[in-house]
PDB file of N, CA and C in Angstrom:
ATOM      1  N   MET A   1      63.250  22.699  22.536  1.00  0.00           N
ATOM      2  CA  MET A   1      63.029  22.350  20.783  1.00  0.00           C
ATOM      3  C   MET A   1      61.356  22.676  20.573  1.00  0.00           C
ATOM      4  N   SER A   2      61.501  23.272  19.637  1.00  0.00           N
ATOM      5  CA  SER A   2      59.742  23.439  19.230  1.00  0.00           C
ATOM      6  C   SER A   2      59.779  22.667  17.887  1.00  0.00           C
ATOM      7  N   MET A   3      58.512  22.130  17.635  1.00  0.00           N
ATOM      8  CA  MET A   3      58.171  21.411  16.515  1.00  0.00           C
ATOM      9  C   MET A   3      57.775  22.514  15.590  1.00  0.00           C
ATOM     10  N   ASN A   4      58.104  22.443  14.558  1.00  0.00           N
ATOM     11  CA  ASN A   4      57.796  23.786  13.383  1.00  0.00           C
ATOM     12  C   ASN A   4      56.841  22.803  12.336  1.00  0.00           C
ATOM     13  N   THR A   5      55.483  22.601  12.459  1.00  0.00           N
ATOM     14  CA  THR A   5      54.854  22.171  11.097  1.00  0.00           C
ATOM     15  C   THR A   5      54.836  23.336  10.391  1.00  0.00           C
ATOM     16  N   SER A   6      55.170  22.961   8.914  1.00  0.00           N
ATOM     17  CA  SER A   6      54.850  24.060   8.040  1.00  0.00           C
ATOM     18  C   SER A   6      53.802  23.877   6.930  1.00  0.00           C
ATOM     19  N   THR A   7      52.855  23.372   7.829  1.00  0.00           N
ATOM     20  CA  THR A   7      51.604  23.516   6.887  1.00  0.00           C
ATOM     21  C   THR A   7      50.813  24.809   6.963  1.00  0.00           C
ATOM     22  N   PRO A   8      50.321  25.499   6.283  1.00  0.00           N
ATOM     23  CA  PRO A   8      49.648  26.507   6.535  1.00  0.00           C
ATOM     24  C   PRO A   8      48.092  26.216   6.879  1.00  0.00           C
ATOM     25  N   ASP A   9      47.356  27.190   7.223  1.00  0.00           N
ATOM     26  CA  ASP A   9      46.345  27.160   7.951  1.00  0.00           C
ATOM     27  C   ASP A   9      45.176  26.809   6.639  1.00  0.00           C
ATOM     28  N   ASN A  10      45.389  27.164   5.665  1.00  0.00           N
ATOM     29  CA  ASN A  10      44.421  26.900   4.558  1.00  0.00           C
ATOM     30  C   ASN A  10      44.318  25.638   4.127  1.00  0.00           C
ATOM     31  N   SER A  11      45.269  24.971   3.945  1.00  0.00           N
ATOM     32  CA  SER A  11      45.322  23.562   3.492  1.00  0.00           C
ATOM     33  C   SER A  11      44.947  22.596   4.600  1.00  0.00           C
ATOM     34  N   ASN A  12      44.701  23.143   5.992  1.00  0.00           N
ATOM     35  CA  ASN A  12      44.280  22.250   7.060  1.00  0.00           C
ATOM     36  C   ASN A  12      42.435  22.428   6.681  1.00  0.00           C
ATOM     37  N   GLY A  13      42.212  23.344   6.263  1.00  0.00           N
ATOM     38  CA  GLY A  13      40.649  23.845   6.015  1.00  0.00           C
ATOM     39  C   GLY A  13      40.440  23.125   4.579  1.00  0.00           C
ATOM     40  N   PHE A  14      41.324  22.878   3.680  1.00  0.00           N
ATOM     41  CA  PHE A  14      41.110  22.290   2.422  1.00  0.00           C
ATOM     42  C   PHE A  14      41.101  20.357   2.707  1.00  0.00           C
ATOM     43  N   VAL A  15      41.897  19.822   3.817  1.00  0.00           N
ATOM     44  CA  VAL A  15      41.763  18.650   4.134  1.00  0.00           C
ATOM     45  C   VAL A  15      40.333  18.537   4.666  1.00  0.00           C
ATOM     46  N   VAL A  16      39.984  19.134   5.692  1.00  0.00           N
ATOM     47  CA  VAL A  16      38.621  19.137   6.223  1.00  0.00           C
ATOM     48  C   VAL A  16      37.694  19.194   5.325  1.00  0.00           C
ATOM     49  N   PHE A  17      37.385  20.161   4.342  1.00  0.00           N
ATOM     50  CA  PHE A  17      36.599  20.400   3.384  1.00  0.00           C
ATOM     51  C   PHE A  17      36.483  19.052   2.425  1.00  0.00           C
ATOM     52  N   VAL A  18      37.443  18.297   2.123  1.00  0.00           N
ATOM     53  CA  VAL A  18      37.596  17.341   1.223  1.00  0.00           C
ATOM     54  C   VAL A  18      37.227  16.129   2.180  1.00  0.00           C
ATOM     55  N   ASN A  19      37.490  15.741   3.356  1.00  0.00           N
ATOM     56  CA  ASN A  19      37.030  14.762   4.250  1.00  0.00           C
ATOM     57  C   ASN A  19      35.230  14.871   4.392  1.00  0.00           C
ATOM     58  N   LEU A  20      34.930  15.932   4.583  1.00  0.00           N
ATOM     59  CA  LEU A  20      33.643  16.349   4.674  1.00  0.00           C
ATOM     60  C   LEU A  20      32.825  15.888   3.478  1.00  0.00           C
ATOM     61  N   ALA A  21      33.355  16.389   2.104  1.00  0.00           N
ATOM     62  CA  ALA A  21      33.061  16.151   0.775  1.00  0.00           C
ATOM     63  C   ALA A  21      32.884  14.579   0.909  1.00  0.00           C
ATOM     64  N   ILE A  22      33.792  13.714   1.102  1.00  0.00           N
ATOM     65  CA  ILE A  22      33.843  12.221   1.217  1.00  0.00           C
ATOM     66  C   ILE A  22      32.788  11.714   2.011  1.00  0.00           C
ATOM     67  N   PHE A  23      32.926  12.328   2.899  1.00  0.00           N
ATOM     68  CA  PHE A  23      31.775  11.658   4.006  1.00  0.00           C
ATOM     69  C   PHE A  23      30.148  11.880   3.650  1.00  0.00           C
ATOM     70  N   PHE A  24      30.041  12.893   2.857  1.00  0.00           N
ATOM     71  CA  PHE A  24      28.683  13.332   2.690  1.00  0.00           C
ATOM     72  C   PHE A  24      28.559  12.209   1.114  1.00  0.00           C
ATOM     73  N   LEU A  25      29.297  11.810   0.499  1.00  0.00           N
ATOM     74  CA  LEU A  25      29.193  11.168  -0.825  1.00  0.00           C
ATOM     75  C   LEU A  25      28.898   9.920  -0.275  1.00  0.00           C
ATOM     76  N   VAL A  26      29.938   9.175   0.651  1.00  0.00           N
ATOM     77  CA  VAL A  26      29.835   7.853   0.779  1.00  0.00           C
ATOM     78  C   VAL A  26      28.351   7.866   1.709  1.00  0.00           C
ATOM     79  N   SER A  27      27.971   8.692   2.563  1.00  0.00           N
ATOM     80  CA  SER A  27      26.751   8.505   3.222  1.00  0.00           C
ATOM     81  C   SER A  27      25.621   8.870   2.380  1.00  0.00           C
ATOM     82  N   GLY A  28      25.790   9.659   1.404  1.00  0.00           N
ATOM     83  CA  GLY A  28      24.543   9.541   0.569  1.00  0.00           C
ATOM     84  C   GLY A  28      24.547   7.974  -0.542  1.00  0.00           C
ATOM     85  N   LEU A  29      25.548   7.503  -0.595  1.00  0.00           N
ATOM     86  CA  LEU A  29      25.476   6.420  -1.681  1.00  0.00           C
ATOM     87  C   LEU A  29      24.933   4.973  -0.727  1.00  0.00           C
ATOM     88  N   ILE A  30      25.198   5.269   0.568  1.00  0.00           N
ATOM     89  CA  ILE A  30      24.830   4.337   1.517  1.00  0.00           C
ATOM     90  C   ILE A  30      23.269   4.117   1.909  1.00  0.00           C
ATOM     91  N   PHE A  31      23.157   5.495   2.493  1.00  0.00           N
ATOM     92  CA  PHE A  31      21.977   5.715   3.102  1.00  0.00           C
ATOM     93  C   PHE A  31      20.704   5.987   2.335  1.00  0.00           C
ATOM     94  N   GLY A  32      21.163   6.809   1.221  1.00  0.00           N
ATOM     95  CA  GLY A  32      20.064   6.966   0.177  1.00  0.00           C
ATOM     96  C   GLY A  32      19.447   5.653  -0.222  1.00  0.00           C
ATOM     97  N   PRO A  33      20.068   4.913  -0.532  1.00  0.00           N
ATOM     98  CA  PRO A  33      19.272   3.535  -1.124  1.00  0.00           C
ATOM     99  C   PRO A  33      18.454   2.958   0.012  1.00  0.00           C
ATOM    100  N   ALA A  34      19.354   2.768   0.967  1.00  0.00           N
ATOM    101  CA  ALA A  34      18.814   2.025   2.316  1.00  0.00           C
ATOM    102  C   ALA A  34      17.386   2.627   2.498  1.00  0.00           C
ATOM    103  N   SER A  35      17.254   4.163   2.640  1.00  0.00           N
ATOM    104  CA  SER A  35      16.348   4.747   3.083  1.00  0.00           C
ATOM    105  C   SER A  35      14.852   4.445   2.133  1.00  0.00           C
ATOM    106  N   SER A  36      15.356   4.457   0.948  1.00  0.00           N
ATOM    107  CA  SER A  36      14.378   4.156  -0.304  1.00  0.00           C
ATOM    108  C   SER A  36      13.968   2.765   0.070  1.00  0.00           C
ATOM    109  N   PHE A  37      14.802   2.005   0.514  1.00  0.00           N
ATOM    110  CA  PHE A  37      14.419   0.364   0.692  1.00  0.00           C
ATOM    111  C   PHE A  37      13.427   0.294   1.732  1.00  0.00           C
ATOM    112  N   PHE A  38      13.391   0.914   2.977  1.00  0.00           N
ATOM    113  CA  PHE A  38      12.806   0.686   4.010  1.00  0.00           C
ATOM    114  C   PHE A  38      11.360   1.488   3.601  1.00  0.00           C
ATOM    115  N   ALA A  39      11.577   2.549   3.019  1.00  0.00           N
ATOM    116  CA  ALA A  39      10.264   3.384   2.586  1.00  0.00           C
ATOM    117  C   ALA A  39       9.218   2.427   1.430  1.00  0.00           C
ATOM    118  N   GLU A  40       9.953   1.789   0.808  1.00  0.00           N
ATOM    119  CA  GLU A  40       9.206   0.815  -0.206  1.00  0.00           C
ATOM    120  C   GLU A  40       8.676  -0.322   0.847  1.00  0.00           C
ATOM    121  N   ARG A  41       9.491  -0.830   1.630  1.00  0.00           N
ATOM    122  CA  ARG A  41       9.000  -1.745   2.317  1.00  0.00           C
ATOM    123  C   ARG A  41       7.895  -1.536   3.179  1.00  0.00           C
ATOM    124  N   ASP A  42       8.022  -0.483   4.158  1.00  0.00           N
ATOM    125  CA  ASP A  42       6.738   0.138   4.661  1.00  0.00           C
ATOM    126  C   ASP A  42       5.542   0.200   4.088  1.00  0.00           C
ATOM    127  N   SER A  43       5.475   0.707   2.631  1.00  0.00           N
ATOM    128  CA  SER A  43       4.526   0.986   1.921  1.00  0.00           C
ATOM    129  C   SER A  43       3.873  -0.249   1.595  1.00  0.00           C
ATOM    130  N   ARG A  44       4.799  -1.359   1.136  1.00  0.00           N
ATOM    131  CA  ARG A  44       4.038  -2.800   0.721  1.00  0.00           C
ATOM    132  C   ARG A  44       3.577  -3.568   1.913  1.00  0.00           C
ATOM    133  N   ILE A  45       4.174  -3.223   3.155  1.00  0.00           N
ATOM    134  CA  ILE A  45       3.577  -3.731   4.579  1.00  0.00           C
ATOM    135  C   ILE A  45       2.046  -3.085   4.900  1.00  0.00           C
ATOM    136  N   ALA A  46       2.047  -1.740   4.455  1.00  0.00           N
ATOM    137  CA  ALA A  46       0.645  -1.337   4.821  1.00  0.00           C
ATOM    138  C   ALA A  46      -0.219  -1.701   3.679  1.00  0.00           C
ATOM    139  N   GLY A  47       0.190  -1.865   2.406  1.00  0.00           N
ATOM    140  CA  GLY A  47      -0.666  -2.469   1.615  1.00  0.00           C
ATOM    141  C   GLY A  47      -1.218  -3.859   1.558  1.00  0.00           C
ATOM    142  N   GLN A  48      -0.390  -4.926   2.518  1.00  0.00           N
ATOM    143  CA  GLN A  48      -0.629  -6.149   2.842  1.00  0.00           C
ATOM    144  C   GLN A  48      -1.576  -6.124   3.941  1.00  0.00           C
ATOM    145  N   ARG A  49      -1.309  -4.863   4.741  1.00  0.00           N
ATOM    146  CA  ARG A  49      -2.174  -5.112   6.163  1.00  0.00           C
ATOM    147  C   ARG A  49      -3.829  -4.713   5.603  1.00  0.00           C
ATOM    148  N   LYS A  50      -4.023  -4.089   4.486  1.00  0.00           N
ATOM    149  CA  LYS A  50      -5.417  -3.452   3.964  1.00  0.00           C
ATOM    150  C   LYS A  50      -5.967  -4.905   3.751  1.00  0.00           C
ATOM    151  N   VAL A  51      -5.514  -5.788   2.942  1.00  0.00           N
ATOM    152  CA  VAL A  51      -6.036  -7.152   2.553  1.00  0.00           C
ATOM    153  C   VAL A  51      -6.901  -7.697   3.741  1.00  0.00           C
ATOM    154  N   PRO A  52      -6.120  -7.880   4.941  1.00  0.00           N
ATOM    155  CA  PRO A  52      -7.170  -8.839   6.031  1.00  0.00           C
ATOM    156  C   PRO A  52      -8.359  -8.037   6.266  1.00  0.00           C
ATOM    157  N   ALA A  53      -8.057  -6.524   6.328  1.00  0.00           N
ATOM    158  CA  ALA A  53      -8.983  -5.594   6.867  1.00  0.00           C
ATOM    159  C   ALA A  53     -10.385  -5.830   5.901  1.00  0.00           C
ATOM    160  N   ARG A  54      -9.896  -5.851   4.648  1.00  0.00           N
ATOM    161  CA  ARG A  54     -11.098  -6.102   3.429  1.00  0.00           C
ATOM    162  C   ARG A  54     -11.750  -7.328   3.688  1.00  0.00           C
ATOM    163  N   LEU A  55     -10.886  -8.620   3.883  1.00  0.00           N
ATOM    164  CA  LEU A  55     -11.835  -9.733   4.135  1.00  0.00           C
ATOM    165  C   LEU A  55     -12.226  -9.751   5.206  1.00  0.00           C
ATOM    166  N   THR A  56     -12.212  -9.314   6.280  1.00  0.00           N
ATOM    167  CA  THR A  56     -12.738  -9.189   7.511  1.00  0.00           C
ATOM    168  C   THR A  56     -13.945  -8.457   7.276  1.00  0.00           C
ATOM    169  N   ALA A  57     -14.028  -7.468   6.419  1.00  0.00           N
ATOM    170  CA  ALA A  57     -15.413  -6.541   6.131  1.00  0.00           C
ATOM    171  C   ALA A  57     -16.417  -7.723   5.566  1.00  0.00           C
ATOM    172  N   ILE A  58     -15.816  -8.341   4.379  1.00  0.00           N
ATOM    173  CA  ILE A  58     -16.498  -9.332   3.482  1.00  0.00           C
ATOM    174  C   ILE A  58     -17.131 -10.212   4.544  1.00  0.00           C
ATOM    175  N   ALA A  59     -16.453 -10.800   5.519  1.00  0.00           N
ATOM    176  CA  ALA A  59     -16.937 -11.790   6.123  1.00  0.00           C
ATOM    177  C   ALA A  59     -18.028 -11.516   7.266  1.00  0.00           C
ATOM    178  N   ALA A  60     -17.618 -10.407   7.635  1.00  0.00           N
ATOM    179  CA  ALA A  60     -18.760  -9.810   8.704  1.00  0.00           C
ATOM    180  C   ALA A  60     -20.189  -9.481   7.939  1.00  0.00           C
ATOM    181  N   GLN A  61     -20.042  -9.545   6.497  1.00  0.00           N
ATOM    182  CA  GLN A  61     -21.554  -9.680   5.746  1.00  0.00           C
ATOM    183  C   GLN A  61     -22.078 -10.919   5.805  1.00  0.00           C
ATOM    184  N   SER A  62     -21.594 -11.911   6.061  1.00  0.00           N
ATOM    185  CA  SER A  62     -22.220 -13.201   5.783  1.00  0.00           C
ATOM    186  C   SER A  62     -23.741 -13.100   6.594  1.00  0.00           C
ATOM    187  N   SER A  63     -23.783 -12.957   7.402  1.00  0.00           N
ATOM    188  CA  SER A  63     -25.065 -13.057   8.074  1.00  0.00           C
ATOM    189  C   SER A  63     -26.171 -12.125   7.198  1.00  0.00           C
ATOM    190  N   ASN A  64     -25.897 -11.080   6.667  1.00  0.00           N
ATOM    191  CA  ASN A  64     -26.581 -10.127   5.977  1.00  0.00           C
ATOM    192  C   ASN A  64     -26.967 -10.821   4.790  1.00  0.00           C
ATOM    193  N   ILE A  65     -25.878 -11.576   3.809  1.00  0.00           N
ATOM    194  CA  ILE A  65     -26.244 -12.413   2.836  1.00  0.00           C
ATOM    195  C   ILE A  65     -27.194 -13.650   2.928  1.00  0.00           C
ATOM    196  N   GLN A  66     -26.884 -14.435   3.906  1.00  0.00           N
ATOM    197  CA  GLN A  66     -27.506 -15.335   4.130  1.00  0.00           C
ATOM    198  C   GLN A  66     -29.128 -14.797   4.720  1.00  0.00           C
ATOM    199  N   SER A  67     -29.280 -14.069   5.271  1.00  0.00           N
ATOM    200  CA  SER A  67     -30.590 -13.321   5.382  1.00  0.00           C
ATOM    201  C   SER A  67     -31.346 -13.103   3.915  1.00  0.00           C
ATOM    202  N   ILE A  68     -30.636 -12.482   3.113  1.00  0.00           N
ATOM    203  CA  ILE A  68     -31.029 -12.133   2.211  1.00  0.00           C
ATOM    204  C   ILE A  68     -31.464 -13.450   1.186  1.00  0.00           C
ATOM    205  N   VAL A  69     -30.507 -14.377   1.303  1.00  0.00           N
ATOM    206  CA  VAL A  69     -30.765 -15.652   0.685  1.00  0.00           C
ATOM    207  C   VAL A  69     -32.119 -16.327   1.193  1.00  0.00           C
ATOM    208  N   SER A  70     -32.320 -16.118   2.300  1.00  0.00           N
ATOM    209  CA  SER A  70     -33.354 -16.783   3.000  1.00  0.00           C
ATOM    210  C   SER A  70     -34.694 -16.199   2.716  1.00  0.00           C
ATOM    211  N   ASP A  71     -34.564 -14.687   2.484  1.00  0.00           N
ATOM    212  CA  ASP A  71     -35.640 -14.057   2.212  1.00  0.00           C
ATOM    213  C   ASP A  71     -36.117 -14.537   0.762  1.00  0.00           C
ATOM    214  N   THR A  72     -35.093 -14.613  -0.047  1.00  0.00           N
ATOM    215  CA  THR A  72     -35.468 -14.804  -1.323  1.00  0.00           C
ATOM    216  C   THR A  72     -36.030 -16.275  -1.743  1.00  0.00           C
ATOM    217  N   ASN A  73     -35.504 -17.078  -1.002  1.00  0.00           N
ATOM    218  CA  ASN A  73     -35.966 -18.617  -0.979  1.00  0.00           C
ATOM    219  C   ASN A  73     -37.529 -18.480  -0.439  1.00  0.00           C
ATOM    220  N   ALA A  74     -37.913 -17.658   0.516  1.00  0.00           N
ATOM    221  CA  ALA A  74     -38.931 -17.791   0.976  1.00  0.00           C
ATOM    222  C   ALA A  74     -39.970 -16.700   0.176  1.00  0.00           C
ATOM    223  N   GLN A  75     -39.373 -16.176  -0.767  1.00  0.00           N
ATOM    224  CA  GLN A  75     -40.327 -15.411  -1.718  1.00  0.00           C
ATOM    225  C   GLN A  75     -40.743 -16.568  -3.235  1.00  0.00           C
ATOM    226  N   MET A  76     -39.591 -17.114  -3.185  1.00  0.00           N
ATOM    227  CA  MET A  76     -39.903 -18.062  -4.380  1.00  0.00           C
ATOM    228  C   MET A  76     -40.745 -19.349  -4.038  1.00  0.00           C
ATOM    229  N   ARG A  77     -40.653 -19.740  -2.706  1.00  0.00           N
ATOM    230  CA  ARG A  77     -41.652 -20.568  -2.342  1.00  0.00           C
ATOM    231  C   ARG A  77     -43.203 -19.991  -2.094  1.00  0.00           C
ATOM    232  N   SER A  78     -43.214 -18.849  -1.652  1.00  0.00           N
ATOM    233  CA  SER A  78     -44.820 -18.157  -1.564  1.00  0.00           C
ATOM    234  C   SER A  78     -45.307 -17.489  -2.959  1.00  0.00           C
ATOM    235  N   GLY A  79     -44.636 -17.711  -4.015  1.00  0.00           N
ATOM    236  CA  GLY A  79     -45.123 -17.379  -5.331  1.00  0.00           C
ATOM    237  C   GLY A  79     -45.235 -15.845  -5.595  1.00  0.00           C
ATOM    238  N   GLU A  80     -44.096 -15.004  -4.920  1.00  0.00           N
ATOM    239  CA  GLU A  80     -44.166 -13.647  -5.245  1.00  0.00           C
ATOM    240  C   GLU A  80     -43.698 -13.422  -6.654  1.00  0.00           C
ATOM    241  N   PHE A  81     -42.816 -14.170  -6.948  1.00  0.00           N
ATOM    242  CA  PHE A  81     -42.310 -13.954  -8.325  1.00  0.00           C
ATOM    243  C   PHE A  81     -42.974 -14.486  -9.298  1.00  0.00           C
ATOM    244  N   LEU A  82     -43.198 -13.561 -10.345  1.00  0.00           N
ATOM    245  CA  LEU A  82     -44.099 -14.236 -11.466  1.00  0.00           C
ATOM    246  C   LEU A  82     -43.528 -15.113 -12.265  1.00  0.00           C
ATOM    247  N   THR A  83     -43.915 -16.261 -12.795  1.00  0.00           N
ATOM    248  CA  THR A  83     -43.712 -16.923 -13.616  1.00  0.00           C
ATOM    249  C   THR A  83     -44.221 -17.023 -15.191  1.00  0.00           C
ATOM    250  N   GLY A  84     -43.702 -17.299 -16.383  1.00  0.00           N
ATOM    251  CA  GLY A  84     -44.171 -17.537 -17.466  1.00  0.00           C
ATOM    252  C   GLY A  84     -44.336 -16.279 -18.084  1.00  0.00           C
ATOM    253  N   PRO A  85     -44.976 -16.117 -19.190  1.00  0.00           N
ATOM    254  CA  PRO A  85     -44.857 -15.071 -20.200  1.00  0.00           C
ATOM    255  C   PRO A  85     -45.723 -13.730 -19.386  1.00  0.00           C
ATOM    256  N   ASN A  86     -44.948 -12.483 -19.859  1.00  0.00           N
ATOM    257  CA  ASN A  86     -45.246 -11.371 -19.275  1.00  0.00           C
ATOM    258  C   ASN A  86     -45.790 -10.515 -20.391  1.00  0.00           C
ATOM    259  N   GLY A  87     -47.025 -10.206 -20.385  1.00  0.00           N
ATOM    260  CA  GLY A  87     -47.263  -9.136 -21.333  1.00  0.00           C
ATOM    261  C   GLY A  87     -46.914  -8.078 -21.637  1.00  0.00           C
ATOM    262  N   ASN A  88     -46.203  -7.303 -20.618  1.00  0.00           N
ATOM    263  CA  ASN A  88     -45.813  -6.033 -20.329  1.00  0.00           C
ATOM    264  C   ASN A  88     -44.488  -5.785 -20.559  1.00  0.00           C
ATOM    265  N   VAL A  89     -43.794  -6.837 -20.820  1.00  0.00           N
ATOM    266  CA  VAL A  89     -42.317  -6.989 -21.010  1.00  0.00           C
ATOM    267  C   VAL A  89     -42.141  -7.141 -22.439  1.00  0.00           C
ATOM    268  N   SER A  90     -41.142  -6.272 -23.221  1.00  0.00           N
ATOM    269  CA  SER A  90     -41.071  -6.375 -24.452  1.00  0.00           C
ATOM    270  C   SER A  90     -40.009  -7.640 -24.644  1.00  0.00           C
ATOM    271  N   GLY A  91     -40.098  -8.493 -25.682  1.00  0.00           N
ATOM    272  CA  GLY A  91     -39.204  -9.576 -25.800  1.00  0.00           C
ATOM    273  C   GLY A  91     -38.866  -9.927 -27.289  1.00  0.00           C
ATOM    274  N   PRO A  92     -38.269 -10.926 -27.684  1.00  0.00           N
ATOM    275  CA  PRO A  92     -37.899 -11.170 -28.711  1.00  0.00           C
ATOM    276  C   PRO A  92     -39.404 -11.431 -29.967  1.00  0.00           C
ATOM    277  N   VAL A  93     -39.139 -10.927 -31.012  1.00  0.00           N
ATOM    278  CA  VAL A  93     -40.623 -10.705 -31.844  1.00  0.00           C
ATOM    279  C   VAL A  93     -40.201 -12.167 -32.310  1.00  0.00           C
ATOM    280  N   GLN A  94     -41.504 -13.060 -32.650  1.00  0.00           N
ATOM    281  CA  GLN A  94     -41.287 -14.440 -33.328  1.00  0.00           C
ATOM    282  C   GLN A  94     -42.048 -14.674 -34.343  1.00  0.00           C
TER     283      GLN A  94
END
């Protein structure tokens, strides 16, 4: 006894085509938003990594700033800065 299936070859191709179309549709609906979510998350993490690097660079300048402050204080004590009216600088007319 032989089993005779009465489905022609082109209907099998149609079923395969429909299954592939459904697979790509479902995978696009699931993996598309998921990949955009992970890409957005990665860019947010990269942005957050820049903040500590910037703050570290600012903190590294502390010794330079302290040096400038002490130089300015020394100049103020030694009288390098002019005090009082300056005739060469224009100011408000009285």
